[in-house]
Amino acid sequence: MGEISGVGFIELGMSGSAFWTFIAALIIFAMLVLQVKIDRGKETHKTRWLRLGLIFVGALGVVVAFLQARQSSKELNKSGTQIQDLTQSVNLQKQTNDTDYRRSQQQLQQLSHQLQELQTQVTTQELQKKITSLQNKLNAALAPKPTANLIAGFFLPDNTGPPTDETTVALIGDSVTLGLWLYNPTDVVAKNGSIAIKICPACTYTKEPDGFAKVPGAEKEREFDFPRLYARSYLRKLTVEVMPPPNVGAFEIGIAADCETCTPQRFKILKVNVLR
């Protein structure tokens, strides 16, 4: 039938069931009037008043059916308008979902509650189909947003797999050189990310690592920012020179990676074996 204000009797302001109720009442009224004309001159005073009474009741039924049809039409149009407004709101929220995800999700939840309330009030099959379609769109918009899960660790020269949590390096002078790597194994682009490293309390940086920045209030931490890391790809090798504690065969550092589209991470421990 198309939209709520479609063609035919709906343009007159009536739904299908209300229209046929009105027509039935009108036919009954017409049959009563016709019967009176046929019986004119044959009826008695008593039957004439009875006929007139029936005509009056029939006319009253036509008026009542018409008023009910108009009221049903108003409620139908009101429900259709509410659904149209909700649909426009859903489309708008989906467009802004990428720029303000949390706020959009809250507003979509509110729209979902409004739709559920409206669904309990609507009885026509056509509007129920529209509501079901809109609810499916809302469910898709409310689904958890996919995130990137980055893997940070030590660099592998032969590119044989993701970064590792343990490495062995030679002590040159009083320092070791660590190669760090970041891998994005997911199908989501990591946007506006960073890698944070934290050396052991007894360790010191031989020099400030290239591209890293100091973290205010955290002497042992440094942070490297990157604009994006594409799906299933590696970030370039990062180098950090560290002076380990004297006379130790191994020490530990912490590393963590994060971004706007990533699953939050805590520092994980990496082990460095020292060849002296």
Protein backbone atom coordinates (compact mmCIF):
# COMPACT_ATOMS: atom_id res chain seq x y z
CA MET A 1 0.00 0.00 0.00
CA GLY A 2 3.05 2.23 0.24
CA GLU A 3 3.17 5.05 2.74
CA ILE A 4 0.50 5.69 5.35
CA SER A 5 -1.05 8.52 3.33
CA GLY A 6 -1.26 6.36 0.20
CA VAL A 7 -4.05 6.18 -2.39
CA GLY A 8 -7.80 5.56 -2.49
CA PHE A 9 -9.76 5.58 0.76
CA ILE A 10 -6.63 6.22 2.84
CA GLU A 11 -6.48 9.67 1.25
CA LEU A 12 -9.95 10.29 2.72
CA GLY A 13 -8.48 9.76 6.19
CA MET A 14 -9.55 6.17 6.89
CA SER A 15 -7.74 2.91 7.40
CA GLY A 16 -8.92 -0.20 5.53
CA SER A 17 -10.99 -1.78 8.32
CA ALA A 18 -12.54 1.55 9.32
CA PHE A 19 -13.50 2.27 5.71
CA TRP A 20 -15.39 -1.01 5.26
CA THR A 21 -17.17 -0.56 8.59
CA PHE A 22 -18.37 2.84 7.40
CA ILE A 23 -19.49 1.40 4.01
CA ALA A 24 -21.43 -1.41 5.74
CA ALA A 25 -23.27 1.09 7.95
CA LEU A 26 -24.01 3.24 4.91
CA ILE A 27 -25.42 0.27 2.95
CA ILE A 28 -27.70 -0.73 5.83
CA PHE A 29 -28.96 2.84 6.08
CA ALA A 30 -29.62 2.98 2.32
CA MET A 31 -31.53 -0.32 2.42
CA LEU A 32 -33.76 1.01 5.23
CA VAL A 33 -34.54 4.18 3.28
CA LEU A 34 -35.27 2.14 0.14
CA GLN A 35 -37.56 -0.17 2.05
CA VAL A 36 -39.55 2.80 3.39
CA LYS A 37 -40.07 4.10 -0.16
CA ILE A 38 -41.21 0.70 -1.37
CA ASP A 39 -43.70 0.31 1.49
CA ARG A 40 -45.02 3.90 1.22
CA GLY A 41 -48.80 3.83 1.19
CA LYS A 42 -48.96 0.28 2.51
CA GLU A 43 -47.78 0.86 6.05
CA THR A 44 -49.92 1.72 9.05
CA HIS A 45 -49.34 4.57 11.45
CA LYS A 46 -47.55 2.22 13.83
CA THR A 47 -45.25 0.63 11.24
CA ARG A 48 -44.41 4.04 9.79
CA TRP A 49 -43.05 5.22 13.12
CA LEU A 50 -41.17 1.95 13.46
CA ARG A 51 -39.60 2.45 10.02
CA LEU A 52 -38.67 6.04 10.86
CA GLY A 53 -37.10 4.83 14.11
CA LEU A 54 -35.02 2.28 12.25
CA ILE A 55 -33.91 4.92 9.75
CA PHE A 56 -32.87 7.19 12.62
CA VAL A 57 -30.88 4.37 14.23
CA GLY A 58 -29.26 3.56 10.87
CA ALA A 59 -28.32 7.20 10.31
CA LEU A 60 -26.87 7.35 13.82
CA GLY A 61 -24.85 4.20 13.07
CA VAL A 62 -23.44 5.80 9.92
CA VAL A 63 -22.37 8.89 11.89
CA VAL A 64 -20.77 6.81 14.66
CA ALA A 65 -18.92 4.61 12.13
CA PHE A 66 -17.64 7.71 10.33
CA LEU A 67 -16.40 9.30 13.58
CA GLN A 68 -14.68 6.06 14.64
CA ALA A 69 -13.04 5.78 11.24
CA ARG A 70 -11.72 9.34 11.49
CA GLN A 71 -10.34 8.70 14.98
CA SER A 72 -8.69 5.45 13.84
CA SER A 73 -7.13 7.32 10.93
CA LYS A 74 -5.71 10.00 13.23
CA GLU A 75 -4.10 7.36 15.45
CA LEU A 76 -2.74 5.53 12.41
CA ASN A 77 -1.23 8.69 10.95
CA LYS A 78 0.21 9.62 14.35
CA SER A 79 1.92 6.21 14.64
CA GLY A 80 3.24 6.52 11.09
CA THR A 81 4.67 9.96 11.83
CA GLN A 82 6.39 8.64 14.97
CA ILE A 83 7.96 5.80 12.99
CA GLN A 84 9.14 8.22 10.29
CA ASP A 85 10.71 10.51 12.92
CA LEU A 86 12.45 7.55 14.59
CA THR A 87 13.77 6.35 11.23
CA GLN A 88 15.27 9.77 10.49
CA SER A 89 16.85 9.85 13.95
CA VAL A 90 18.40 6.39 13.48
CA ASN A 91 19.90 7.37 10.11
CA LEU A 92 21.36 10.56 11.60
CA GLN A 93 22.89 8.70 14.54
CA LYS A 94 24.46 6.10 12.26
CA GLN A 95 26.15 8.90 10.29
CA THR A 96 27.67 10.40 13.44
CA ASN A 97 28.50 7.06 15.02
CA ASP A 98 32.16 7.10 13.95
CA THR A 99 32.87 10.59 15.32
CA ASP A 100 31.09 10.32 18.65
CA TYR A 101 30.52 6.62 19.31
CA ARG A 102 29.65 6.67 23.00
CA ARG A 103 27.16 9.55 22.76
CA SER A 104 25.54 8.00 19.69
CA GLN A 105 25.15 4.65 21.46
CA GLN A 106 23.32 6.30 24.37
CA GLN A 107 20.95 8.09 22.00
CA LEU A 108 20.35 4.93 19.99
CA GLN A 109 19.44 3.14 23.23
CA GLN A 110 16.85 5.84 23.94
CA LEU A 111 15.42 5.47 20.42
CA SER A 112 15.21 1.71 20.92
CA HIS A 113 13.18 2.17 24.10
CA GLN A 114 10.82 4.58 22.29
CA LEU A 115 10.37 2.07 19.49
CA GLN A 116 9.52 -0.72 21.93
CA GLU A 117 6.87 1.46 23.56
CA LEU A 118 5.40 2.37 20.16
CA GLN A 119 5.33 -1.30 19.12
CA THR A 120 2.91 -2.12 21.94
CA GLN A 121 0.50 0.56 20.67
CA VAL A 122 0.44 -0.33 16.96
CA THR A 123 -1.86 -3.08 15.69
CA THR A 124 -1.80 -2.74 11.88
CA GLN A 125 0.32 -5.23 9.97
CA GLU A 126 1.91 -2.60 7.72
CA LEU A 127 3.18 -0.52 10.63
CA GLN A 128 4.37 -3.63 12.46
CA LYS A 129 6.56 -4.43 9.44
CA LYS A 130 8.00 -0.91 9.48
CA ILE A 131 8.71 -1.17 13.20
CA THR A 132 10.41 -4.56 12.76
CA SER A 133 12.63 -3.16 9.99
CA LEU A 134 13.57 -0.16 12.11
CA GLN A 135 14.30 -2.38 15.13
CA ASN A 136 16.69 -4.46 13.01
CA LYS A 137 18.56 -1.29 12.00
CA LEU A 138 18.79 -0.24 15.63
CA ASN A 139 20.12 -3.64 16.68
CA ALA A 140 22.82 -3.41 14.01
CA ALA A 141 23.78 0.11 15.11
CA LEU A 142 23.93 -0.97 18.76
CA ALA A 143 26.19 -3.95 18.07
CA PRO A 144 29.64 -3.69 19.68
CA LYS A 145 32.04 -1.75 17.51
CA PRO A 146 34.98 -3.90 16.27
CA THR A 147 38.35 -2.97 17.75
CA ALA A 148 42.00 -3.58 16.97
CA ASN A 149 44.04 -5.72 19.36
CA LEU A 150 47.72 -4.81 18.93
CA ILE A 151 50.64 -7.08 19.75
CA ALA A 152 53.80 -5.36 20.99
CA GLY A 153 57.12 -7.05 21.62
CA PHE A 154 60.63 -7.62 20.35
CA PHE A 155 61.57 -7.29 16.70
CA LEU A 156 62.11 -10.43 14.59
CA PRO A 157 64.70 -9.87 11.85
CA ASP A 158 63.38 -12.68 9.64
CA ASN A 159 59.70 -11.61 9.86
CA THR A 160 58.69 -15.13 10.86
CA GLY A 161 55.77 -14.12 13.06
CA PRO A 162 54.37 -11.63 15.54
CA PRO A 163 56.60 -9.84 18.07
CA THR A 164 58.03 -12.02 20.85
CA ASP A 165 58.09 -11.54 24.62
CA GLU A 166 61.73 -12.63 25.05
CA THR A 167 64.99 -11.78 23.33
CA THR A 168 68.73 -12.30 23.76
CA VAL A 169 71.11 -9.40 23.06
CA ALA A 170 74.83 -8.81 23.47
CA LEU A 171 76.16 -6.28 25.95
CA ILE A 172 78.26 -3.72 24.09
CA GLY A 173 80.13 -1.53 26.50
CA ASP A 174 77.63 -1.02 29.27
CA SER A 175 74.41 -1.05 27.23
CA VAL A 176 72.20 -3.23 25.06
CA THR A 177 70.17 -2.28 22.00
CA LEU A 178 66.55 -3.47 21.92
CA GLY A 179 64.49 -3.68 18.77
CA LEU A 180 60.77 -3.24 19.37
CA TRP A 181 57.91 -4.09 17.05
CA LEU A 182 54.16 -3.61 16.85
CA TYR A 183 51.77 -5.83 14.91
CA ASN A 184 48.07 -5.37 14.11
CA PRO A 185 46.62 -8.85 13.42
CA THR A 186 43.00 -7.64 13.16
CA ASP A 187 40.91 -6.26 10.28
CA VAL A 188 40.48 -2.90 12.06
CA VAL A 189 42.78 0.06 11.40
CA ALA A 190 44.50 1.26 14.58
CA LYS A 191 44.08 5.06 14.66
CA ASN A 192 45.98 7.65 16.71
CA GLY A 193 47.95 5.09 18.69
CA SER A 194 50.97 4.96 20.96
CA ILE A 195 53.52 2.51 22.34
CA ALA A 196 54.66 2.96 25.93
CA ILE A 197 57.78 1.33 27.36
CA LYS A 198 58.94 1.14 30.98
CA ILE A 199 62.45 -0.03 31.83
CA CYS A 200 63.35 -1.74 35.11
CA PRO A 201 63.95 0.42 38.20
CA ALA A 202 67.71 -0.30 38.15
CA CYS A 203 67.97 0.36 34.39
CA THR A 204 68.70 3.66 32.67
CA TYR A 205 68.36 4.89 29.10
CA THR A 206 71.75 5.13 27.39
CA LYS A 207 70.23 7.96 25.34
CA GLU A 208 66.77 9.21 24.62
CA PRO A 209 65.20 6.77 22.12
CA ASP A 210 64.54 8.26 18.69
CA GLY A 211 60.90 9.29 18.21
CA PHE A 212 59.91 8.68 21.82
CA ALA A 213 58.79 11.32 24.31
CA LYS A 214 59.18 11.47 28.07
CA VAL A 215 56.09 10.74 30.16
CA PRO A 216 55.58 13.48 32.78
CA GLY A 217 55.98 12.12 36.30
CA ALA A 218 57.33 8.75 35.12
CA GLU A 219 61.12 8.75 34.86
CA LYS A 220 61.43 5.24 33.48
CA GLU A 221 58.67 5.53 30.87
CA ARG A 222 58.81 6.71 27.26
CA GLU A 223 56.04 6.92 24.67
CA PHE A 224 56.00 6.72 20.88
CA ASP A 225 52.96 8.04 18.95
CA PHE A 226 51.79 6.91 15.51
CA PRO A 227 48.85 8.15 13.40
CA ARG A 228 47.64 4.74 12.20
CA LEU A 229 48.55 1.10 11.76
CA TYR A 230 46.65 -0.67 9.00
CA ALA A 231 44.99 -4.06 9.35
CA ARG A 232 47.35 -7.07 9.39
CA SER A 233 50.45 -4.93 9.17
CA TYR A 234 53.58 -4.04 11.18
CA LEU A 235 54.84 -0.73 12.46
CA ARG A 236 58.44 0.05 11.60
CA LYS A 237 61.17 -1.20 13.91
CA LEU A 238 61.78 0.98 16.98
CA THR A 239 65.16 1.02 18.72
CA VAL A 240 65.86 1.64 22.40
CA GLU A 241 69.30 1.58 24.06
CA VAL A 242 69.29 0.57 27.73
CA MET A 243 71.97 0.26 30.42
CA PRO A 244 71.00 -2.86 32.43
CA PRO A 245 71.96 -3.41 36.09
CA PRO A 246 75.57 -4.57 36.45
CA ASN A 247 76.39 -8.27 36.66
CA VAL A 248 72.91 -9.54 35.73
CA GLY A 249 72.15 -12.18 33.13
CA ALA A 250 68.64 -10.88 32.41
CA PHE A 251 66.27 -8.01 33.15
CA GLU A 252 62.70 -7.06 32.33
CA ILE A 253 60.92 -4.15 30.67
CA GLY A 254 57.25 -3.33 30.33
CA ILE A 255 55.44 -2.48 27.09
CA ALA A 256 51.89 -1.50 26.19
CA ALA A 257 50.14 -0.36 23.01
CA ASP A 258 46.92 1.61 22.72
CA CYS A 259 44.89 3.62 20.19
CA GLU A 260 41.45 5.19 19.64
CA THR A 261 40.12 2.06 17.93
CA CYS A 262 41.95 -0.47 20.12
CA THR A 263 41.07 -2.75 22.97
CA PRO A 264 42.65 -1.18 26.10
CA GLN A 265 45.88 -2.84 27.26
CA ARG A 266 47.97 -2.92 30.42
CA PHE A 267 51.74 -3.14 30.52
CA LYS A 268 53.00 -6.63 29.79
CA ILE A 269 56.44 -7.90 30.80
CA LEU A 270 59.19 -8.61 28.26
CA LYS A 271 62.36 -10.52 29.19
CA VAL A 272 65.82 -9.50 27.98
CA ASN A 273 68.66 -12.04 28.22
CA VAL A 274 72.09 -10.40 28.30
CA LEU A 275 75.17 -11.95 26.70
CA ARG A 276 78.25 -10.65 28.48
